[in-house]
Structure formats: structure tokens, C-alpha cells
């Protein structure tokens, strides 16, 4: 549910008239008025989602790890298994199915060439990935690190940072993107620190408020 503090009451009334239930209100760069409206209607802050941006090209050297492009019809099941282990406790990114991936493959923005997979050299297992997305309709054009993950079995090797750098490099080199962006949970301090170390800064905050009507 989206909208400003002046329309939240009407939106909640509409939901209540349809039978009610849990609600989640998303606000970009929330103000005191938004917070007051949420409290007035019994909604409490749930979490912040930060959109980070940085100019490209990235000045970090490309890490010496091997990646390959995702192959539709071949890599879905392995990717889902690794993604769901990497995001086992995440409310949105965990619990994907092969059908969810196939739905994304049908989107006009999907580009398997920019969906980069890293397989462990010793075992051949999928160890991590960086999935990029180009926003052609924005001004400036944005290249997004759409999803990045590392199998817990291979964490502690610096793969998260390495894959982020490779994804940003690919967006600039292959798609002529000059502005990179990504979303990160406001409570994920280690990830935020890593991204800030790569030159990302906060562009805006999306906050969710939750409750029930």
C-alpha cells in the first residue's frame, strides 16, 4: 500500500470494508507527518530499505574470480537452491521457486548476460551470483545490483564484495551505465559497510509501516 499521510485513512477504510487483515504501508523518505499518520492509525515502523547509488566506472580493481552468464532452462534450480540458503531468513528474497525465476525471465528487462554466476573451482558447485538489471526509462539510466548472494558454505571468502564489483563493472563496460544502484535492508550493517566502502551513498529511504485493520 502506497500513498501520503492525507490518504492513508481512506486506504485503510477501503481495506477494512473489504474484510480487513494485515496491512503494510510503504513511504519514501518518511517525514514526521508520515510517522504521526502511521501512529494515528495504529501502524508501527517495520524496517527501512535504503537505495544506494554511486557513479561508474568503479575504481576498485576487478577481482580475479571466474564468472559466467546464467543459462535459462539450465541454471534455475541450482540458483534457487543457493538463493534460498543465502536468504533463508529474509522476508522477501527467501523462498523463491523455479517458477518465480521463469516469471522474471519473461520480463522485458531480463538479460541473462548480466546474470553472473560464480562456481567454486574445486567442487564445481554454484558458490555465489550477482544479478544485474538495467533501468532504461530513468534519467540517468541506472544499473542495479538486483540480487547478490553467496552460498553460506562459501562465505568468508570476500565473494560478496568481489561479485558486487564485477556486476558494476559489467554494467558500465557492457551496457554503458554511468550510475550504479542497489537496495539494502537498513538493519544489515555489514552489507551497508561493504557498500559504503565501495563508494555507495544513500539516495533515499523506503520505510514500511505495518498493522492490521
Protein backbone atom coordinates (compact mmCIF):
# COMPACT_ATOMS: atom_id res chain seq x y z
CA UNK A 1 0.00 0.00 0.00
CA UNK A 2 1.38 3.37 -1.05
CA UNK A 3 0.21 6.96 -0.54
CA UNK A 4 0.72 10.04 1.58
CA UNK A 5 -0.36 10.83 5.14
CA UNK A 6 -3.55 12.51 3.86
CA UNK A 7 -4.77 9.38 2.07
CA UNK A 8 -3.77 6.63 4.49
CA UNK A 9 -7.04 6.79 6.39
CA UNK A 10 -9.12 6.36 3.25
CA UNK A 11 -6.95 3.47 2.09
CA UNK A 12 -7.29 1.66 5.41
CA UNK A 13 -11.05 2.22 5.39
CA UNK A 14 -11.26 0.65 1.94
CA UNK A 15 -9.27 -2.37 3.13
CA UNK A 16 -11.44 -2.70 6.24
CA UNK A 17 -14.61 -2.57 4.11
CA UNK A 18 -13.23 -5.43 2.02
CA UNK A 19 -12.75 -7.65 5.07
CA UNK A 20 -9.60 -6.23 6.63
CA UNK A 21 -6.43 -8.04 7.54
CA UNK A 22 -2.69 -7.28 7.78
CA UNK A 23 -1.53 -4.12 6.02
CA UNK A 24 1.86 -2.74 5.05
CA UNK A 25 2.32 0.95 4.13
CA UNK A 26 5.42 1.98 2.17
CA UNK A 27 6.70 5.56 2.38
CA UNK A 28 9.69 7.07 0.57
CA UNK A 29 11.84 9.36 2.75
CA UNK A 30 9.27 9.40 5.61
CA UNK A 31 8.58 12.71 7.36
CA UNK A 32 7.27 13.48 10.85
CA UNK A 33 3.81 13.80 9.27
CA UNK A 34 4.09 10.27 7.86
CA UNK A 35 5.19 8.90 11.22
CA UNK A 36 2.35 10.69 13.00
CA UNK A 37 -0.21 9.41 10.48
CA UNK A 38 1.07 5.85 10.91
CA UNK A 39 0.82 6.08 14.72
CA UNK A 40 -2.63 7.63 14.49
CA UNK A 41 -3.88 4.64 12.53
CA UNK A 42 -2.17 2.02 14.65
CA UNK A 43 0.70 1.27 12.27
CA UNK A 44 4.25 0.80 13.52
CA UNK A 45 7.57 1.11 11.68
CA UNK A 46 8.75 -2.27 10.43
CA UNK A 47 12.00 -1.67 8.54
CA UNK A 48 13.90 0.70 6.29
CA UNK A 49 15.04 -0.18 2.79
CA UNK A 50 17.92 2.02 1.62
CA UNK A 51 18.54 2.79 -2.02
CA UNK A 52 22.26 3.36 -2.51
CA UNK A 53 23.91 4.84 -5.59
CA UNK A 54 27.40 5.54 -6.88
CA UNK A 55 28.90 6.80 -10.15
CA UNK A 56 30.51 4.36 -12.56
CA UNK A 57 33.03 3.13 -13.52
CA UNK A 58 34.00 1.77 -10.15
CA UNK A 59 37.60 2.48 -9.18
CA UNK A 60 38.16 -0.89 -7.45
CA UNK A 61 40.20 -3.41 -9.47
CA UNK A 62 38.25 -6.29 -10.98
CA UNK A 63 38.70 -9.30 -8.69
CA UNK A 64 40.33 -12.45 -10.12
CA UNK A 65 37.31 -14.73 -9.89
CA UNK A 66 35.68 -16.53 -12.79
CA UNK A 67 32.02 -15.86 -13.60
CA UNK A 68 29.73 -16.99 -16.38
CA UNK A 69 26.32 -15.87 -17.57
CA UNK A 70 23.12 -17.54 -16.40
CA UNK A 71 21.66 -20.03 -18.90
CA UNK A 72 17.84 -20.08 -18.97
CA UNK A 73 16.47 -23.60 -18.90
CA UNK A 74 19.62 -24.89 -17.20
CA UNK A 75 20.52 -22.87 -14.09
CA UNK A 76 17.17 -22.12 -12.45
CA UNK A 77 17.08 -24.99 -9.94
CA UNK A 78 20.68 -24.55 -8.76
CA UNK A 79 20.21 -20.81 -8.43
CA UNK A 80 17.00 -21.19 -6.40
CA UNK A 81 18.72 -23.62 -4.03
CA UNK A 82 21.64 -21.25 -3.39
CA UNK A 83 19.46 -18.15 -3.21
CA UNK A 84 17.17 -19.71 -0.63
CA UNK A 85 20.09 -20.79 1.53
CA UNK A 86 21.68 -17.35 1.29
CA UNK A 87 18.41 -15.60 2.20
CA UNK A 88 16.87 -18.22 4.49
CA UNK A 89 15.55 -15.62 6.96
CA UNK A 90 14.82 -12.80 4.50
CA UNK A 91 11.10 -11.88 4.27
CA UNK A 92 11.14 -11.24 0.51
CA UNK A 93 14.22 -12.73 -1.12
CA UNK A 94 14.00 -16.12 0.55
CA UNK A 95 11.64 -18.88 -0.54
CA UNK A 96 11.92 -18.43 -4.30
CA UNK A 97 10.79 -21.17 -6.66
CA UNK A 98 11.84 -22.04 -10.20
CA UNK A 99 8.52 -20.59 -11.37
CA UNK A 100 9.48 -17.26 -9.77
CA UNK A 101 12.68 -17.20 -11.81
CA UNK A 102 10.87 -18.13 -15.00
CA UNK A 103 8.45 -15.24 -14.41
CA UNK A 104 11.42 -12.85 -14.20
CA UNK A 105 12.85 -14.33 -17.39
CA UNK A 106 9.67 -13.22 -19.18
CA UNK A 107 10.15 -9.58 -18.09
CA UNK A 108 11.40 -7.18 -20.79
CA UNK A 109 14.32 -6.11 -18.59
CA UNK A 110 15.66 -9.64 -18.07
CA UNK A 111 19.13 -10.09 -19.55
CA UNK A 112 20.86 -13.42 -18.85
CA UNK A 113 24.17 -11.96 -19.99
CA UNK A 114 24.16 -9.73 -16.91
CA UNK A 115 23.13 -12.50 -14.51
CA UNK A 116 26.60 -13.63 -13.45
CA UNK A 117 27.28 -16.92 -11.65
CA UNK A 118 30.45 -18.00 -9.84
CA UNK A 119 31.11 -21.71 -9.48
CA UNK A 120 33.62 -22.97 -6.92
CA UNK A 121 36.78 -24.12 -8.68
CA UNK A 122 37.23 -27.23 -6.52
CA UNK A 123 33.70 -28.58 -6.27
CA UNK A 124 32.02 -27.02 -9.29
CA UNK A 125 29.11 -26.00 -7.06
CA UNK A 126 27.41 -22.64 -7.51
CA UNK A 127 29.01 -20.51 -4.80
CA UNK A 128 27.61 -17.05 -5.48
CA UNK A 129 25.94 -14.81 -8.01
CA UNK A 130 25.24 -11.20 -8.96
CA UNK A 131 22.07 -10.48 -10.94
CA UNK A 132 22.04 -7.08 -12.64
CA UNK A 133 19.16 -5.05 -14.04
CA UNK A 134 19.20 -2.02 -16.35
CA UNK A 135 16.64 0.76 -15.85
CA UNK A 136 16.46 2.34 -19.30
CA UNK A 137 13.50 4.61 -18.51
CA UNK A 138 15.18 6.51 -15.67
CA UNK A 139 17.20 9.68 -16.03
CA UNK A 140 20.04 8.99 -15.70
CA UNK A 141 19.92 5.35 -16.78
CA UNK A 142 20.60 3.19 -13.75
CA UNK A 143 22.31 -0.16 -13.49
CA UNK A 144 21.04 -2.10 -10.49
CA UNK A 145 22.61 -4.87 -8.49
CA UNK A 146 19.23 -6.59 -8.43
CA UNK A 147 20.17 -9.59 -6.28
CA UNK A 148 23.54 -10.64 -4.96
CA UNK A 149 24.12 -13.70 -2.82
CA UNK A 150 26.72 -16.16 -1.59
CA UNK A 151 26.00 -19.72 -0.52
CA UNK A 152 26.64 -19.91 3.26
CA UNK A 153 29.06 -22.77 2.58
CA UNK A 154 31.34 -20.34 0.73
CA UNK A 155 31.01 -17.23 2.87
CA UNK A 156 34.08 -15.65 4.41
CA UNK A 157 36.00 -15.57 1.12
CA UNK A 158 35.14 -11.99 0.14
CA UNK A 159 32.83 -13.17 -2.64
CA UNK A 160 30.11 -10.64 -1.83
CA UNK A 161 32.39 -7.68 -2.44
CA UNK A 162 34.04 -9.31 -5.46
CA UNK A 163 30.72 -10.09 -7.14
CA UNK A 164 29.43 -6.57 -6.47
CA UNK A 165 32.49 -5.09 -8.19
CA UNK A 166 32.13 -7.48 -11.14
CA UNK A 167 28.44 -6.63 -11.51
CA UNK A 168 29.10 -2.90 -11.52
CA UNK A 169 31.99 -3.33 -13.95
CA UNK A 170 29.78 -5.38 -16.29
CA UNK A 171 27.02 -2.74 -16.22
CA UNK A 172 29.45 0.03 -17.15
CA UNK A 173 31.53 -1.91 -19.66
CA UNK A 174 28.80 -3.89 -21.43
CA UNK A 175 25.77 -1.62 -21.08
CA UNK A 176 27.36 1.86 -20.89
CA UNK A 177 25.81 2.56 -17.49
CA UNK A 178 27.31 5.51 -15.58
CA UNK A 179 25.27 5.24 -12.34
CA UNK A 180 25.01 2.10 -10.23
CA UNK A 181 22.37 1.45 -7.58
CA UNK A 182 21.12 -1.22 -5.22
CA UNK A 183 18.77 -1.74 -2.30
CA UNK A 184 19.86 -2.93 1.13
CA UNK A 185 17.99 -3.51 4.36
CA UNK A 186 18.65 -0.67 6.81
CA UNK A 187 19.41 -3.20 9.53
CA UNK A 188 22.09 -5.05 7.58
CA UNK A 189 25.10 -3.22 8.98
CA UNK A 190 27.80 -5.49 7.47
CA UNK A 191 26.36 -5.12 3.95
CA UNK A 192 25.96 -1.36 4.33
CA UNK A 193 29.57 -1.05 5.48
CA UNK A 194 30.75 -3.06 2.48
CA UNK A 195 28.76 -0.94 0.03
CA UNK A 196 29.90 2.31 1.63
CA UNK A 197 33.47 1.05 1.28
CA UNK A 198 32.79 0.73 -2.45
CA UNK A 199 31.67 4.36 -2.64
CA UNK A 200 27.89 3.96 -2.38
CA UNK A 201 25.86 6.64 -0.60
CA UNK A 202 22.17 6.76 0.37
CA UNK A 203 19.90 8.23 -2.32
CA UNK A 204 16.64 7.68 -0.42
CA UNK A 205 14.92 5.55 2.22
CA UNK A 206 11.75 3.48 1.80
CA UNK A 207 10.14 2.69 5.15
CA UNK A 208 7.40 0.14 5.74
CA UNK A 209 4.78 0.55 8.46
CA UNK A 210 2.69 -2.48 9.45
CA UNK A 211 -0.57 -3.09 11.28
CA UNK A 212 -3.96 -4.72 10.95
CA UNK A 213 -7.44 -3.44 10.15
